[in-house]
N, C-alpha and C. Protein backbone atom coordinates (compact mmCIF):
# COMPACT_ATOMS: atom_id res chain seq x y z
N MET A 1 -28.63 -4.12 20.66
CA MET A 1 -26.97 -3.80 21.12
C MET A 1 -26.18 -4.60 20.79
N LYS A 2 -26.71 -5.81 21.00
CA LYS A 2 -25.45 -6.96 20.42
C LYS A 2 -25.44 -6.63 19.00
N THR A 3 -26.40 -6.69 18.36
CA THR A 3 -26.20 -6.82 16.90
C THR A 3 -25.56 -5.36 16.20
N ASN A 4 -25.82 -4.22 17.19
CA ASN A 4 -25.19 -3.25 16.86
C ASN A 4 -23.47 -3.36 16.84
N ASN A 5 -23.12 -4.25 18.05
CA ASN A 5 -21.73 -4.46 17.91
C ASN A 5 -21.09 -5.05 16.83
N LYS A 6 -22.13 -6.31 16.44
CA LYS A 6 -21.53 -7.04 15.51
C LYS A 6 -21.55 -6.04 14.41
N LEU A 7 -22.36 -5.20 13.79
CA LEU A 7 -22.23 -4.28 12.71
C LEU A 7 -20.85 -3.33 12.95
N ARG A 8 -20.66 -2.87 14.02
CA ARG A 8 -19.51 -2.12 14.46
C ARG A 8 -18.24 -2.90 14.04
N VAL A 9 -18.26 -3.96 14.46
CA VAL A 9 -17.05 -4.75 14.26
C VAL A 9 -16.92 -5.30 12.82
N GLN A 10 -17.84 -5.49 11.87
CA GLN A 10 -17.49 -5.71 10.69
C GLN A 10 -17.44 -4.46 9.96
N ALA A 11 -17.78 -3.26 10.43
CA ALA A 11 -17.18 -1.92 9.69
C ALA A 11 -15.67 -1.60 10.08
N TYR A 12 -15.54 -2.31 11.09
CA TYR A 12 -13.93 -1.77 11.30
C TYR A 12 -13.25 -2.90 10.52
N PHE A 13 -13.70 -4.11 10.32
CA PHE A 13 -12.91 -4.99 9.49
C PHE A 13 -12.86 -4.20 7.94
N LEU A 14 -13.73 -3.77 7.63
CA LEU A 14 -14.26 -3.10 6.40
C LEU A 14 -13.08 -1.82 6.08
N LEU A 15 -12.79 -1.22 7.13
CA LEU A 15 -12.04 -0.19 7.29
C LEU A 15 -10.46 -0.61 7.30
N GLY A 16 -10.22 -1.73 7.81
CA GLY A 16 -8.98 -2.16 7.67
C GLY A 16 -8.75 -2.66 6.16
N PHE A 17 -9.82 -3.41 5.88
CA PHE A 17 -9.51 -3.69 4.49
C PHE A 17 -9.30 -2.61 3.49
N LEU A 18 -10.25 -1.71 3.52
CA LEU A 18 -10.17 -0.58 2.67
C LEU A 18 -8.67 0.21 2.69
N SER A 19 -8.03 0.09 3.93
CA SER A 19 -6.67 0.65 3.86
C SER A 19 -5.94 -0.14 3.21
N LEU A 20 -5.95 -1.37 3.32
CA LEU A 20 -5.07 -2.44 2.66
C LEU A 20 -5.32 -2.13 1.01
N GLN A 21 -6.40 -1.95 0.83
CA GLN A 21 -7.00 -1.62 -0.60
C GLN A 21 -6.39 -0.39 -1.00
N TYR A 22 -6.41 0.56 -0.46
CA TYR A 22 -5.78 1.90 -0.65
C TYR A 22 -4.28 1.78 -1.18
N LEU A 23 -3.50 0.84 -0.08
CA LEU A 23 -2.06 0.93 -0.28
C LEU A 23 -1.89 -0.11 -1.49
N LEU A 24 -2.69 -1.23 -1.74
CA LEU A 24 -2.60 -1.80 -2.92
C LEU A 24 -2.64 -1.05 -4.27
N GLY A 25 -3.59 -0.10 -4.10
CA GLY A 25 -3.97 0.85 -5.27
C GLY A 25 -2.77 1.85 -5.67
N MET A 26 -2.18 2.05 -4.67
CA MET A 26 -0.85 3.12 -4.47
C MET A 26 0.19 2.27 -5.08
N LEU A 27 0.44 1.38 -4.92
CA LEU A 27 1.66 0.64 -5.21
C LEU A 27 1.65 0.15 -6.87
N THR A 28 0.37 -0.18 -7.01
CA THR A 28 -0.15 -0.31 -8.37
C THR A 28 0.16 0.81 -9.12
N ASN A 29 -0.24 1.88 -8.65
CA ASN A 29 -0.09 3.10 -9.56
C ASN A 29 1.45 3.63 -9.70
N LEU A 30 2.20 3.37 -8.56
CA LEU A 30 3.54 3.49 -8.71
C LEU A 30 4.49 2.35 -9.61
N PHE A 31 3.94 1.05 -9.41
CA PHE A 31 5.14 0.29 -9.98
C PHE A 31 4.40 -0.35 -11.37
N VAL A 32 3.10 -0.18 -11.69
CA VAL A 32 2.51 -0.84 -12.78
C VAL A 32 2.53 0.04 -13.91
N ALA A 33 2.92 -0.13 -14.94
CA ALA A 33 3.07 0.72 -16.00
C ALA A 33 2.32 -0.19 -17.44
N PHE A 34 1.09 0.32 -17.44
CA PHE A 34 0.50 -0.36 -18.64
C PHE A 34 0.93 0.32 -20.06
N PRO A 35 0.99 -0.92 -21.09
CA PRO A 35 1.32 -0.66 -22.23
C PRO A 35 0.56 0.37 -23.00
N GLU A 36 1.16 1.41 -23.92
CA GLU A 36 0.22 2.35 -24.63
C GLU A 36 -0.17 1.60 -25.93
N ASN A 37 -1.42 2.40 -26.18
CA ASN A 37 -2.33 2.10 -27.29
C ASN A 37 -2.52 0.51 -27.57
N ASN A 38 -2.89 -0.04 -26.53
CA ASN A 38 -3.44 -1.15 -26.53
C ASN A 38 -5.06 -1.17 -26.66
N THR A 39 -5.77 -2.12 -27.00
CA THR A 39 -7.12 -2.24 -27.16
C THR A 39 -7.77 -2.89 -25.74
N ASP A 40 -8.89 -2.50 -25.33
CA ASP A 40 -9.55 -3.02 -24.06
C ASP A 40 -9.10 -4.41 -23.50
N LEU A 41 -9.04 -5.38 -24.51
CA LEU A 41 -8.88 -6.68 -24.01
C LEU A 41 -7.65 -6.82 -24.05
N GLN A 42 -6.46 -6.15 -24.74
CA GLN A 42 -4.96 -6.36 -24.34
C GLN A 42 -4.92 -5.71 -22.83
N GLN A 43 -5.54 -4.44 -22.75
CA GLN A 43 -5.41 -4.01 -21.19
C GLN A 43 -5.74 -4.83 -20.25
N TRP A 44 -6.96 -5.54 -20.37
CA TRP A 44 -7.33 -6.49 -19.48
C TRP A 44 -6.12 -7.74 -19.26
N GLU A 45 -5.76 -8.11 -20.50
CA GLU A 45 -4.95 -9.68 -20.69
C GLU A 45 -3.51 -9.01 -19.92
N PHE A 46 -3.07 -7.44 -20.02
CA PHE A 46 -1.93 -7.17 -19.32
C PHE A 46 -2.10 -7.14 -17.83
N ALA A 47 -3.21 -6.76 -17.60
CA ALA A 47 -3.48 -6.50 -16.12
C ALA A 47 -3.72 -7.79 -15.33
N LYS A 48 -3.90 -8.89 -16.18
CA LYS A 48 -4.09 -10.46 -15.51
C LYS A 48 -2.48 -10.76 -14.78
N THR A 49 -1.58 -10.22 -15.64
CA THR A 49 -0.24 -10.69 -15.30
C THR A 49 0.52 -9.76 -14.31
N GLN A 50 -0.16 -8.85 -13.47
CA GLN A 50 0.27 -8.16 -12.60
C GLN A 50 -0.42 -8.39 -11.14
N PHE A 51 0.57 -8.93 -10.34
CA PHE A 51 0.36 -9.39 -9.22
C PHE A 51 -0.30 -8.18 -8.35
N MET A 52 0.18 -7.20 -8.12
CA MET A 52 -0.42 -6.35 -7.35
C MET A 52 -1.83 -5.74 -7.83
N LEU A 53 -1.74 -5.59 -8.80
CA LEU A 53 -3.13 -5.22 -9.60
C LEU A 53 -4.31 -6.34 -9.25
N MET A 54 -3.73 -7.59 -9.47
CA MET A 54 -4.80 -8.41 -9.37
C MET A 54 -5.47 -8.88 -7.65
N ALA A 55 -4.41 -8.50 -6.80
CA ALA A 55 -4.75 -8.44 -5.37
C ALA A 55 -5.46 -7.36 -5.29
N HIS A 56 -5.20 -6.18 -5.83
CA HIS A 56 -6.27 -5.02 -5.69
C HIS A 56 -7.59 -5.09 -6.11
N ILE A 57 -7.77 -6.08 -7.30
CA ILE A 57 -9.21 -6.24 -8.21
C ILE A 57 -9.78 -7.33 -6.99
N ILE A 58 -8.87 -8.46 -6.57
CA ILE A 58 -9.42 -9.38 -5.72
C ILE A 58 -9.92 -8.84 -4.47
N LEU A 59 -9.42 -7.98 -3.92
CA LEU A 59 -9.78 -7.46 -2.60
C LEU A 59 -10.90 -6.60 -2.92
N GLY A 60 -10.68 -5.76 -3.89
CA GLY A 60 -12.13 -4.77 -4.19
C GLY A 60 -13.40 -5.85 -4.24
N ILE A 61 -13.23 -6.93 -4.94
CA ILE A 61 -14.39 -7.81 -4.76
C ILE A 61 -14.74 -8.31 -3.55
N LEU A 62 -13.75 -8.64 -2.81
CA LEU A 62 -13.92 -9.25 -1.18
C LEU A 62 -14.67 -7.87 -0.52
N LEU A 63 -14.54 -6.73 -0.72
CA LEU A 63 -14.81 -5.58 -0.14
C LEU A 63 -16.43 -5.61 -0.41
N LEU A 64 -16.73 -5.61 -1.81
CA LEU A 64 -18.20 -5.45 -2.10
C LEU A 64 -18.93 -6.60 -1.36
N VAL A 65 -18.54 -7.62 -1.43
CA VAL A 65 -19.12 -9.05 -0.65
C VAL A 65 -19.32 -8.32 0.91
N GLY A 66 -18.26 -8.10 1.34
CA GLY A 66 -18.32 -7.65 2.84
C GLY A 66 -19.41 -6.59 3.12
N ALA A 67 -19.45 -5.49 2.20
CA ALA A 67 -20.48 -4.21 2.18
C ALA A 67 -21.66 -4.78 1.88
N ILE A 68 -21.78 -5.43 0.93
CA ILE A 68 -23.26 -6.28 0.82
C ILE A 68 -23.87 -6.95 2.10
N MET A 69 -22.81 -7.66 2.88
CA MET A 69 -23.35 -8.33 4.09
C MET A 69 -23.71 -7.39 5.02
N LEU A 70 -22.89 -6.31 5.07
CA LEU A 70 -23.11 -5.20 6.21
C LEU A 70 -24.48 -4.56 5.95
N TYR A 71 -24.85 -4.30 4.73
CA TYR A 71 -26.07 -3.83 4.29
C TYR A 71 -27.02 -4.59 4.55
N ILE A 72 -26.99 -5.72 4.46
CA ILE A 72 -28.08 -6.68 4.41
C ILE A 72 -28.44 -6.86 6.31
N ARG A 73 -27.30 -7.08 6.84
CA ARG A 73 -27.37 -7.02 8.28
C ARG A 73 -27.85 -5.87 8.92
N ALA A 74 -27.59 -4.96 8.54
CA ALA A 74 -28.14 -3.43 9.04
C ALA A 74 -29.67 -3.27 8.74
N PHE A 75 -30.20 -3.96 7.67
CA PHE A 75 -31.66 -4.00 7.39
C PHE A 75 -32.23 -5.07 8.29
N GLN A 76 -31.64 -6.29 8.42
CA GLN A 76 -32.02 -7.15 9.46
C GLN A 76 -32.12 -6.66 10.88
N ALA A 77 -31.30 -5.59 11.19
CA ALA A 77 -31.30 -5.06 12.42
C ALA A 77 -32.07 -4.00 12.68
N LYS A 78 -32.45 -3.39 11.43
CA LYS A 78 -33.58 -2.19 11.32
C LYS A 78 -32.86 -1.16 12.43
N ASP A 79 -31.59 -1.02 11.67
CA ASP A 79 -31.14 0.08 12.42
C ASP A 79 -30.71 1.39 11.55
N ARG A 80 -31.32 2.19 11.65
CA ARG A 80 -31.58 3.33 10.65
C ARG A 80 -29.85 3.85 10.26
N HIS A 81 -29.11 4.09 11.20
CA HIS A 81 -27.66 4.49 10.95
C HIS A 81 -27.00 3.82 10.38
N TRP A 82 -27.23 2.45 10.40
CA TRP A 82 -26.10 1.44 9.48
C TRP A 82 -26.69 1.06 8.38
N LYS A 83 -28.08 1.59 8.24
CA LYS A 83 -28.84 1.11 6.78
C LYS A 83 -28.12 2.50 5.90
N ILE A 84 -28.00 3.60 6.60
CA ILE A 84 -27.62 4.85 5.78
C ILE A 84 -26.01 4.43 5.62
N ALA A 85 -25.25 4.04 6.49
CA ALA A 85 -23.74 4.21 6.58
C ALA A 85 -23.59 3.14 5.52
N SER A 86 -23.81 1.81 5.67
CA SER A 86 -23.93 0.59 4.82
C SER A 86 -24.11 0.98 3.42
N GLY A 87 -25.17 1.46 3.24
CA GLY A 87 -25.66 1.87 1.90
C GLY A 87 -24.59 2.60 0.97
N ILE A 88 -24.44 3.90 1.67
CA ILE A 88 -23.38 4.69 1.10
C ILE A 88 -22.04 4.13 0.85
N GLY A 89 -21.66 3.30 1.93
CA GLY A 89 -20.29 2.63 1.72
C GLY A 89 -20.38 1.39 0.74
N LEU A 90 -21.41 0.90 0.51
CA LEU A 90 -21.63 -0.29 -0.44
C LEU A 90 -21.48 0.76 -2.10
N GLY A 91 -22.51 1.73 -2.07
CA GLY A 91 -22.48 2.42 -3.37
C GLY A 91 -21.17 2.76 -3.59
N SER A 92 -20.66 3.41 -2.68
CA SER A 92 -19.27 3.83 -3.02
C SER A 92 -18.26 2.77 -3.45
N ILE A 93 -18.35 1.30 -3.00
CA ILE A 93 -17.36 0.61 -3.36
C ILE A 93 -17.92 -0.11 -4.76
N LEU A 94 -19.03 -0.14 -4.74
CA LEU A 94 -19.57 -0.49 -6.27
C LEU A 94 -19.19 0.41 -7.39
N LEU A 95 -19.07 1.71 -7.11
CA LEU A 95 -18.88 2.57 -8.15
C LEU A 95 -17.28 2.63 -8.32
N ALA A 96 -16.46 2.49 -6.94
CA ALA A 96 -15.36 2.43 -7.16
C ALA A 96 -14.94 1.29 -8.21
N ILE A 97 -15.46 0.16 -7.87
CA ILE A 97 -14.93 -1.08 -8.83
C ILE A 97 -15.47 -0.74 -10.39
N LEU A 98 -16.69 0.00 -10.40
CA LEU A 98 -16.85 0.07 -11.95
C LEU A 98 -15.70 1.42 -12.54
N SER A 99 -15.32 2.08 -11.58
CA SER A 99 -14.36 3.12 -12.14
C SER A 99 -13.08 2.44 -12.34
N GLY A 100 -12.48 1.49 -11.75
CA GLY A 100 -11.67 0.83 -11.79
C GLY A 100 -11.49 -0.16 -13.07
N SER A 101 -12.64 -0.68 -13.33
CA SER A 101 -12.98 -1.41 -14.61
C SER A 101 -12.69 -0.67 -15.92
N GLU A 102 -13.07 0.83 -15.67
CA GLU A 102 -12.89 2.02 -16.72
C GLU A 102 -11.42 2.07 -16.83
N PHE A 103 -10.98 2.18 -15.68
CA PHE A 103 -9.34 2.68 -15.85
C PHE A 103 -8.70 1.74 -16.37
N ILE A 104 -8.79 0.42 -16.30
CA ILE A 104 -8.16 -0.38 -16.87
C ILE A 104 -8.07 -0.44 -18.42
N SER A 105 -9.40 -0.28 -18.73
CA SER A 105 -9.58 -0.32 -20.20
C SER A 105 -9.37 0.92 -20.97
N THR A 106 -9.38 2.33 -20.03
CA THR A 106 -8.98 3.49 -20.65
C THR A 106 -7.59 3.86 -20.52
N GLN A 107 -7.22 3.67 -19.25
CA GLN A 107 -6.07 4.47 -18.60
C GLN A 107 -6.14 6.05 -18.54
N SER A 108 -7.53 6.28 -18.23
CA SER A 108 -7.78 7.74 -18.25
C SER A 108 -7.68 7.90 -16.66
N GLU A 109 -6.79 9.04 -16.24
CA GLU A 109 -6.54 9.09 -14.95
C GLU A 109 -7.81 9.67 -13.93
N TYR A 110 -8.84 10.19 -14.83
CA TYR A 110 -10.04 10.62 -14.25
C TYR A 110 -10.69 9.43 -13.45
N TYR A 111 -10.47 8.07 -13.89
CA TYR A 111 -11.15 7.03 -13.31
C TYR A 111 -10.53 6.86 -11.84
N SER A 112 -9.02 7.12 -12.00
CA SER A 112 -8.30 6.65 -10.72
C SER A 112 -8.71 7.61 -9.99
N LEU A 113 -8.75 9.23 -10.02
CA LEU A 113 -9.02 10.10 -8.96
C LEU A 113 -10.57 9.82 -8.52
N VAL A 114 -11.34 9.03 -9.56
CA VAL A 114 -12.81 8.82 -9.00
C VAL A 114 -12.74 7.89 -8.05
N MET A 115 -11.98 6.70 -8.07
CA MET A 115 -11.64 5.59 -7.29
C MET A 115 -11.38 6.18 -5.85
N SER A 116 -10.41 7.28 -5.90
CA SER A 116 -9.81 7.79 -4.70
C SER A 116 -10.60 8.28 -4.05
N LEU A 117 -11.53 9.19 -4.62
CA LEU A 117 -12.65 9.94 -4.09
C LEU A 117 -13.64 9.26 -3.44
N LEU A 118 -14.20 7.84 -4.14
CA LEU A 118 -14.67 6.93 -3.38
C LEU A 118 -14.47 6.18 -2.31
N PHE A 119 -13.15 5.97 -2.39
CA PHE A 119 -12.61 5.61 -1.24
C PHE A 119 -12.69 6.33 -0.08
N ILE A 120 -12.42 7.63 -0.18
CA ILE A 120 -12.50 8.70 0.88
C ILE A 120 -14.11 8.49 1.32
N LEU A 121 -15.31 8.35 0.48
CA LEU A 121 -16.56 8.36 0.84
C LEU A 121 -16.72 7.29 1.90
N ALA A 122 -16.28 5.95 1.07
CA ALA A 122 -16.70 4.63 1.93
C ALA A 122 -15.95 4.59 3.27
N VAL A 123 -14.62 5.33 3.40
CA VAL A 123 -14.34 5.41 4.66
C VAL A 123 -14.93 6.33 5.72
N GLY A 124 -15.44 7.34 5.25
CA GLY A 124 -16.30 8.31 6.01
C GLY A 124 -17.54 7.71 6.24
N ALA A 125 -18.31 6.83 5.52
CA ALA A 125 -19.38 6.27 5.57
C ALA A 125 -19.66 5.39 6.83
N PHE A 126 -18.44 4.36 6.73
CA PHE A 126 -18.26 3.41 7.69
C PHE A 126 -17.76 3.94 8.69
N GLY A 127 -16.79 4.98 8.91
CA GLY A 127 -16.38 5.59 9.99
C GLY A 127 -17.47 6.52 10.73
N TRP A 128 -18.62 6.76 10.05
CA TRP A 128 -19.83 7.55 10.57
C TRP A 128 -20.74 6.44 11.35
N GLY A 129 -20.80 5.36 10.53
CA GLY A 129 -21.62 4.37 11.53
C GLY A 129 -21.04 3.85 12.53
N ILE A 130 -19.82 3.66 12.62
CA ILE A 130 -19.06 3.42 13.86
C ILE A 130 -19.24 4.52 14.83
N TYR A 131 -19.14 5.55 14.39
CA TYR A 131 -19.54 6.92 15.39
C TYR A 131 -20.89 6.89 15.94
N GLN A 132 -21.85 6.68 15.03
CA GLN A 132 -23.38 6.64 15.34
C GLN A 132 -23.53 5.53 16.35
N SER A 133 -22.58 4.63 16.30
CA SER A 133 -23.26 3.42 16.90
C SER A 133 -22.39 3.38 18.30
N ASN A 134 -21.31 4.18 18.39
CA ASN A 134 -20.81 4.44 19.84
C ASN A 134 -21.62 5.49 20.44
N ASP A 135 -22.20 6.50 19.67
CA ASP A 135 -22.84 7.43 20.27
C ASP A 135 -24.58 6.96 20.77
N SER A 136 -24.98 5.93 20.12
CA SER A 136 -26.18 5.72 20.72
C SER A 136 -25.99 4.54 22.00
N LYS A 137 -24.81 4.46 22.57
CA LYS A 137 -24.90 3.68 23.55
C LYS A 137 -25.46 4.14 25.09
């Protein structure tokens, strides 16, 4: 039970940081206008100059690290529900990062939509893990 509580606490932190990530993504969407007709490299060089976007990218990397840690801890705890929840959450965050990378390069709104859908999936996965761990008490 003690490990289960630690996993639940870590998932709550991930949910909090996912909420902040969503806010940063929306602010970036509203206030960062990428130049048109730039090459991939030029888009990335521009992205490096945008504070909100860089905060969004850095937080995404930190979320990935946190999700990897939760996934490893779930396997160490041999907790089936947390293995599933953390795996789905980790996969969603990883795919969201890949979509974000493609978005910067291409400026295709499709990748922004994919990021937002993967955010919902990650929140749902970690929320389900928390629900299942509360239910198993």
